[in-house]
Amino acid sequence: MNLKHRFILPAVAAIFLGATALGSAHAADAASIKVKNDTSKTLTALYVSPSWASRWRSADQHLLYNVPPEYVASIEFAGGNDCDFDLYARMSDGSYAERDDVNLCVGDDSFTWTLTD
């Protein structure tokens, strides 16, 4: 279990709902991901943190709106000089999902994380 989830602080950041095309993420550029909510619960928080960070910070929270089941959130954030990120999603019932060491600098033009029950 990643210890970052113990240090979650509330914050407000940007989210763009919908299935929009995203540009590729490169180090020192804005990074982007899509999160598809294929659960029966509402996604209430999404944290994106550089993999080297030891805890989740309030600035890591990237949802302004809740994401209901069957919706896709397209999220852009400042990637800085980092490529590898940890992802944490909290659902309306208190459950959560984590994904560690996601490289957002290589591969397709966008990365999609699909959440399932």
N, C-alpha and C. Protein backbone atom coordinates (compact mmCIF):
# COMPACT_ATOMS: atom_id res chain seq x y z
N MET A 1 0.85 -1.17 0.00
CA MET A 1 0.00 0.00 0.00
C MET A 1 0.89 1.24 0.00
N ASN A 2 0.58 2.15 -0.86
CA ASN A 2 1.32 3.40 -0.94
C ASN A 2 0.92 4.28 0.24
N LEU A 3 1.90 4.82 0.94
CA LEU A 3 1.62 5.62 2.14
C LEU A 3 1.10 7.01 1.82
N LYS A 4 1.16 7.42 0.58
CA LYS A 4 0.71 8.76 0.22
C LYS A 4 -0.75 9.00 0.59
N HIS A 5 -1.60 7.97 0.48
CA HIS A 5 -3.03 8.18 0.71
C HIS A 5 -3.35 8.61 2.13
N ARG A 6 -2.43 8.48 3.04
CA ARG A 6 -2.67 8.89 4.42
C ARG A 6 -2.53 10.39 4.61
N PHE A 7 -2.02 11.10 3.63
CA PHE A 7 -1.73 12.52 3.77
C PHE A 7 -2.54 13.38 2.82
N ILE A 8 -3.73 12.95 2.48
CA ILE A 8 -4.54 13.68 1.52
C ILE A 8 -5.09 14.96 2.14
N LEU A 9 -4.91 16.07 1.46
CA LEU A 9 -5.44 17.35 1.89
C LEU A 9 -6.37 17.87 0.80
N PRO A 10 -7.46 18.54 1.18
CA PRO A 10 -8.39 19.03 0.16
C PRO A 10 -7.79 20.20 -0.62
N ALA A 11 -8.17 20.30 -1.86
CA ALA A 11 -7.73 21.41 -2.71
C ALA A 11 -8.65 21.50 -3.91
N VAL A 12 -8.56 22.60 -4.61
CA VAL A 12 -9.37 22.80 -5.80
C VAL A 12 -8.43 23.04 -6.97
N ALA A 13 -8.67 22.33 -8.06
CA ALA A 13 -7.87 22.51 -9.27
C ALA A 13 -8.79 22.36 -10.47
N ALA A 14 -8.23 22.21 -11.65
CA ALA A 14 -9.04 22.20 -12.88
C ALA A 14 -9.35 20.80 -13.34
N ILE A 15 -10.53 20.66 -13.97
CA ILE A 15 -10.91 19.41 -14.62
C ILE A 15 -11.72 19.75 -15.86
N PHE A 16 -11.56 18.98 -16.86
CA PHE A 16 -12.35 19.12 -18.06
C PHE A 16 -13.07 17.80 -18.27
N LEU A 17 -14.41 17.79 -18.14
CA LEU A 17 -15.18 16.56 -18.31
C LEU A 17 -15.43 16.31 -19.78
N GLY A 18 -15.38 15.05 -20.16
CA GLY A 18 -15.68 14.66 -21.52
C GLY A 18 -14.53 13.88 -22.11
N ALA A 19 -14.75 13.33 -23.26
CA ALA A 19 -13.73 12.54 -23.94
C ALA A 19 -13.09 13.38 -25.02
N THR A 20 -12.20 14.26 -24.64
CA THR A 20 -11.52 15.12 -25.59
C THR A 20 -10.16 14.56 -25.92
N ALA A 21 -9.67 14.91 -27.09
CA ALA A 21 -8.34 14.47 -27.48
C ALA A 21 -7.31 15.28 -26.71
N LEU A 22 -6.27 14.60 -26.24
CA LEU A 22 -5.24 15.25 -25.45
C LEU A 22 -3.91 15.16 -26.19
N GLY A 23 -3.08 16.19 -26.03
CA GLY A 23 -1.75 16.17 -26.62
C GLY A 23 -0.82 15.31 -25.79
N SER A 24 0.33 14.98 -26.35
CA SER A 24 1.29 14.15 -25.64
C SER A 24 1.94 14.93 -24.52
N ALA A 25 2.34 14.21 -23.49
CA ALA A 25 3.01 14.83 -22.35
C ALA A 25 4.51 14.62 -22.48
N HIS A 26 5.25 15.66 -22.29
CA HIS A 26 6.70 15.60 -22.33
C HIS A 26 7.24 16.27 -21.09
N ALA A 27 8.41 15.85 -20.65
CA ALA A 27 9.03 16.47 -19.49
C ALA A 27 9.10 17.97 -19.71
N ALA A 28 8.87 18.73 -18.66
CA ALA A 28 8.89 20.19 -18.65
C ALA A 28 7.68 20.79 -19.34
N ASP A 29 6.71 19.99 -19.75
CA ASP A 29 5.48 20.47 -20.37
C ASP A 29 4.30 20.14 -19.47
N ALA A 30 3.14 20.58 -19.93
CA ALA A 30 1.92 20.16 -19.24
C ALA A 30 1.73 18.67 -19.51
N ALA A 31 1.26 17.95 -18.53
CA ALA A 31 0.97 16.54 -18.67
C ALA A 31 -0.54 16.36 -18.68
N SER A 32 -1.02 15.25 -19.21
CA SER A 32 -2.45 15.03 -19.25
C SER A 32 -2.77 13.54 -19.16
N ILE A 33 -3.92 13.26 -18.59
CA ILE A 33 -4.43 11.90 -18.51
C ILE A 33 -5.94 11.94 -18.67
N LYS A 34 -6.50 10.79 -18.98
CA LYS A 34 -7.94 10.59 -18.93
C LYS A 34 -8.22 9.57 -17.85
N VAL A 35 -9.29 9.78 -17.11
CA VAL A 35 -9.72 8.81 -16.11
C VAL A 35 -11.15 8.42 -16.45
N LYS A 36 -11.34 7.15 -16.78
CA LYS A 36 -12.67 6.64 -17.12
C LYS A 36 -13.25 5.96 -15.89
N ASN A 37 -14.41 6.43 -15.47
CA ASN A 37 -15.06 5.88 -14.28
C ASN A 37 -16.02 4.77 -14.71
N ASP A 38 -15.51 3.53 -14.73
CA ASP A 38 -16.33 2.36 -15.04
C ASP A 38 -16.78 1.65 -13.77
N THR A 39 -16.98 2.43 -12.70
CA THR A 39 -17.47 1.86 -11.45
C THR A 39 -18.93 2.22 -11.28
N SER A 40 -19.52 1.72 -10.21
CA SER A 40 -20.90 2.08 -9.87
C SER A 40 -20.94 3.25 -8.90
N LYS A 41 -19.75 3.82 -8.59
CA LYS A 41 -19.64 4.92 -7.62
C LYS A 41 -19.16 6.19 -8.31
N THR A 42 -19.34 7.30 -7.64
CA THR A 42 -18.86 8.59 -8.15
C THR A 42 -17.41 8.80 -7.73
N LEU A 43 -16.59 9.24 -8.66
CA LEU A 43 -15.21 9.61 -8.37
C LEU A 43 -15.23 10.99 -7.73
N THR A 44 -14.70 11.11 -6.50
CA THR A 44 -14.77 12.37 -5.78
C THR A 44 -13.43 13.09 -5.65
N ALA A 45 -12.33 12.37 -5.87
CA ALA A 45 -11.01 13.02 -5.79
C ALA A 45 -10.02 12.26 -6.65
N LEU A 46 -9.14 13.00 -7.29
CA LEU A 46 -8.07 12.40 -8.07
C LEU A 46 -6.79 13.16 -7.77
N TYR A 47 -5.80 12.43 -7.30
CA TYR A 47 -4.50 13.01 -6.99
C TYR A 47 -3.47 12.48 -7.97
N VAL A 48 -2.63 13.38 -8.47
CA VAL A 48 -1.54 13.03 -9.36
C VAL A 48 -0.28 13.64 -8.76
N SER A 49 0.70 12.79 -8.48
CA SER A 49 1.90 13.23 -7.78
C SER A 49 3.13 12.64 -8.45
N PRO A 50 4.23 13.39 -8.51
CA PRO A 50 5.47 12.79 -9.02
C PRO A 50 5.80 11.54 -8.20
N SER A 51 6.27 10.50 -8.86
CA SER A 51 6.54 9.24 -8.17
C SER A 51 7.58 9.38 -7.06
N TRP A 52 8.46 10.35 -7.18
CA TRP A 52 9.50 10.53 -6.16
C TRP A 52 8.96 11.15 -4.87
N ALA A 53 7.78 11.75 -4.90
CA ALA A 53 7.23 12.42 -3.72
C ALA A 53 6.85 11.39 -2.66
N SER A 54 7.07 11.74 -1.40
CA SER A 54 6.81 10.80 -0.31
C SER A 54 5.38 10.89 0.23
N ARG A 55 4.63 11.92 -0.17
CA ARG A 55 3.26 12.06 0.33
C ARG A 55 2.42 12.82 -0.69
N TRP A 56 1.11 12.69 -0.54
CA TRP A 56 0.19 13.46 -1.38
C TRP A 56 0.12 14.87 -0.84
N ARG A 57 0.13 15.85 -1.71
CA ARG A 57 0.02 17.26 -1.31
C ARG A 57 -1.31 17.81 -1.80
N SER A 58 -1.77 18.89 -1.20
CA SER A 58 -3.03 19.49 -1.63
C SER A 58 -2.95 19.91 -3.09
N ALA A 59 -1.79 20.30 -3.55
CA ALA A 59 -1.63 20.71 -4.95
C ALA A 59 -1.74 19.52 -5.91
N ASP A 60 -1.71 18.30 -5.38
CA ASP A 60 -1.82 17.11 -6.22
C ASP A 60 -3.26 16.79 -6.59
N GLN A 61 -4.24 17.42 -5.95
CA GLN A 61 -5.65 17.15 -6.19
C GLN A 61 -6.05 17.84 -7.47
N HIS A 62 -6.62 17.10 -8.43
CA HIS A 62 -6.91 17.66 -9.74
C HIS A 62 -8.37 17.55 -10.17
N LEU A 63 -9.29 17.38 -9.24
CA LEU A 63 -10.71 17.36 -9.59
C LEU A 63 -11.42 18.55 -8.96
N LEU A 64 -12.17 19.27 -9.77
CA LEU A 64 -13.02 20.33 -9.27
C LEU A 64 -14.45 19.82 -9.13
N TYR A 65 -14.82 18.88 -10.00
CA TYR A 65 -16.17 18.32 -10.01
C TYR A 65 -16.11 16.82 -9.80
N ASN A 66 -17.15 16.27 -9.21
CA ASN A 66 -17.26 14.82 -9.10
C ASN A 66 -17.49 14.22 -10.49
N VAL A 67 -17.01 13.00 -10.68
CA VAL A 67 -17.17 12.31 -11.97
C VAL A 67 -18.07 11.10 -11.75
N PRO A 68 -19.30 11.16 -12.28
CA PRO A 68 -20.24 10.06 -12.08
C PRO A 68 -19.83 8.81 -12.86
N PRO A 69 -20.45 7.67 -12.53
CA PRO A 69 -20.19 6.44 -13.27
C PRO A 69 -20.41 6.64 -14.78
N GLU A 70 -19.56 5.99 -15.56
CA GLU A 70 -19.61 5.98 -17.02
C GLU A 70 -19.16 7.30 -17.67
N TYR A 71 -18.58 8.21 -16.92
CA TYR A 71 -18.04 9.45 -17.47
C TYR A 71 -16.52 9.37 -17.54
N VAL A 72 -15.95 10.21 -18.37
CA VAL A 72 -14.50 10.30 -18.52
C VAL A 72 -14.07 11.72 -18.14
N ALA A 73 -13.06 11.80 -17.30
CA ALA A 73 -12.47 13.09 -16.94
C ALA A 73 -11.16 13.23 -17.70
N SER A 74 -10.99 14.34 -18.38
CA SER A 74 -9.73 14.66 -19.05
C SER A 74 -9.03 15.72 -18.23
N ILE A 75 -7.84 15.41 -17.76
CA ILE A 75 -7.17 16.27 -16.80
C ILE A 75 -5.81 16.69 -17.33
N GLU A 76 -5.54 17.97 -17.24
CA GLU A 76 -4.23 18.50 -17.61
C GLU A 76 -3.63 19.15 -16.37
N PHE A 77 -2.32 19.00 -16.21
CA PHE A 77 -1.64 19.58 -15.05
C PHE A 77 -0.20 19.85 -15.43
N ALA A 78 0.45 20.66 -14.63
CA ALA A 78 1.85 20.98 -14.87
C ALA A 78 2.71 19.77 -14.55
N GLY A 79 3.38 19.23 -15.55
CA GLY A 79 4.21 18.06 -15.35
C GLY A 79 5.60 18.39 -14.85
N GLY A 80 6.00 19.66 -15.02
CA GLY A 80 7.35 20.04 -14.61
C GLY A 80 8.38 19.24 -15.38
N ASN A 81 9.42 18.83 -14.71
CA ASN A 81 10.47 18.02 -15.33
C ASN A 81 10.26 16.53 -15.08
N ASP A 82 9.10 16.16 -14.59
CA ASP A 82 8.83 14.77 -14.23
C ASP A 82 8.11 14.04 -15.35
N CYS A 83 8.35 12.75 -15.42
CA CYS A 83 7.64 11.88 -16.35
C CYS A 83 6.82 10.82 -15.63
N ASP A 84 7.33 10.35 -14.47
CA ASP A 84 6.68 9.27 -13.74
C ASP A 84 5.81 9.82 -12.62
N PHE A 85 4.54 9.38 -12.61
CA PHE A 85 3.57 9.88 -11.66
C PHE A 85 2.85 8.74 -10.96
N ASP A 86 2.41 8.99 -9.73
CA ASP A 86 1.53 8.09 -9.00
C ASP A 86 0.13 8.69 -9.05
N LEU A 87 -0.88 7.83 -9.17
CA LEU A 87 -2.26 8.26 -9.27
C LEU A 87 -3.06 7.67 -8.12
N TYR A 88 -3.97 8.46 -7.58
CA TYR A 88 -4.82 8.03 -6.48
C TYR A 88 -6.23 8.54 -6.75
N ALA A 89 -7.20 7.63 -6.76
CA ALA A 89 -8.60 7.99 -6.98
C ALA A 89 -9.41 7.59 -5.77
N ARG A 90 -10.20 8.53 -5.24
CA ARG A 90 -11.08 8.25 -4.10
C ARG A 90 -12.53 8.29 -4.59
N MET A 91 -13.29 7.29 -4.18
CA MET A 91 -14.67 7.16 -4.62
C MET A 91 -15.64 7.64 -3.52
N SER A 92 -16.90 7.82 -3.89
CA SER A 92 -17.91 8.37 -2.99
C SER A 92 -18.17 7.50 -1.76
N ASP A 93 -17.88 6.21 -1.83
CA ASP A 93 -18.10 5.34 -0.68
C ASP A 93 -16.85 5.20 0.20
N GLY A 94 -15.79 5.97 -0.11
CA GLY A 94 -14.56 5.93 0.67
C GLY A 94 -13.52 4.96 0.14
N SER A 95 -13.89 4.11 -0.81
CA SER A 95 -12.91 3.20 -1.39
C SER A 95 -11.95 4.01 -2.28
N TYR A 96 -10.83 3.40 -2.62
CA TYR A 96 -9.85 4.11 -3.44
C TYR A 96 -9.10 3.14 -4.33
N ALA A 97 -8.45 3.69 -5.33
CA ALA A 97 -7.58 2.93 -6.22
C ALA A 97 -6.29 3.73 -6.37
N GLU A 98 -5.18 3.01 -6.50
CA GLU A 98 -3.88 3.65 -6.71
C GLU A 98 -3.18 2.99 -7.88
N ARG A 99 -2.42 3.78 -8.57
CA ARG A 99 -1.55 3.27 -9.64
C ARG A 99 -0.24 4.02 -9.53
N ASP A 100 0.85 3.29 -9.44
CA ASP A 100 2.17 3.89 -9.22
C ASP A 100 3.03 3.84 -10.48
N ASP A 101 3.95 4.80 -10.57
CA ASP A 101 4.98 4.84 -11.61
C ASP A 101 4.42 4.81 -13.03
N VAL A 102 3.47 5.68 -13.30
CA VAL A 102 2.92 5.81 -14.64
C VAL A 102 3.77 6.82 -15.41
N ASN A 103 4.37 6.39 -16.51
CA ASN A 103 5.21 7.26 -17.32
C ASN A 103 4.32 8.01 -18.32
N LEU A 104 4.19 9.31 -18.13
CA LEU A 104 3.34 10.12 -19.00
C LEU A 104 4.12 10.81 -20.12
N CYS A 105 5.41 10.48 -20.26
CA CYS A 105 6.25 11.11 -21.29
C CYS A 105 6.46 10.24 -22.52
N VAL A 106 6.06 9.00 -22.47
CA VAL A 106 6.27 8.10 -23.61
C VAL A 106 4.96 7.46 -24.00
N GLY A 107 4.94 6.89 -25.18
CA GLY A 107 3.78 6.13 -25.61
C GLY A 107 2.79 6.97 -26.39
N ASP A 108 1.52 6.63 -26.21
CA ASP A 108 0.44 7.28 -26.96
C ASP A 108 0.34 8.76 -26.63
N ASP A 109 -0.52 9.44 -27.37
CA ASP A 109 -0.74 10.86 -27.13
C ASP A 109 -1.44 11.12 -25.80
N SER A 110 -2.08 10.12 -25.25
CA SER A 110 -2.74 10.29 -23.96
C SER A 110 -2.73 8.96 -23.21
N PHE A 111 -2.83 9.05 -21.91
CA PHE A 111 -2.90 7.88 -21.06
C PHE A 111 -4.30 7.83 -20.46
N THR A 112 -4.92 6.67 -20.48
CA THR A 112 -6.25 6.50 -19.89
C THR A 112 -6.16 5.49 -18.75
N TRP A 113 -6.65 5.91 -17.59
CA TRP A 113 -6.74 5.03 -16.42
C TRP A 113 -8.21 4.69 -16.26
N THR A 114 -8.56 3.42 -16.40
CA THR A 114 -9.94 2.98 -16.26
C THR A 114 -10.15 2.41 -14.87
N LEU A 115 -11.07 3.02 -14.14
CA LEU A 115 -11.41 2.57 -12.78
C LEU A 115 -12.57 1.58 -12.88
N THR A 116 -12.44 0.44 -12.18
CA THR A 116 -13.50 -0.56 -12.17
C THR A 116 -13.83 -0.97 -10.74
N ASP A 117 -15.02 -1.54 -10.55
CA ASP A 117 -15.42 -2.04 -9.22
C ASP A 117 -14.58 -3.21 -8.81
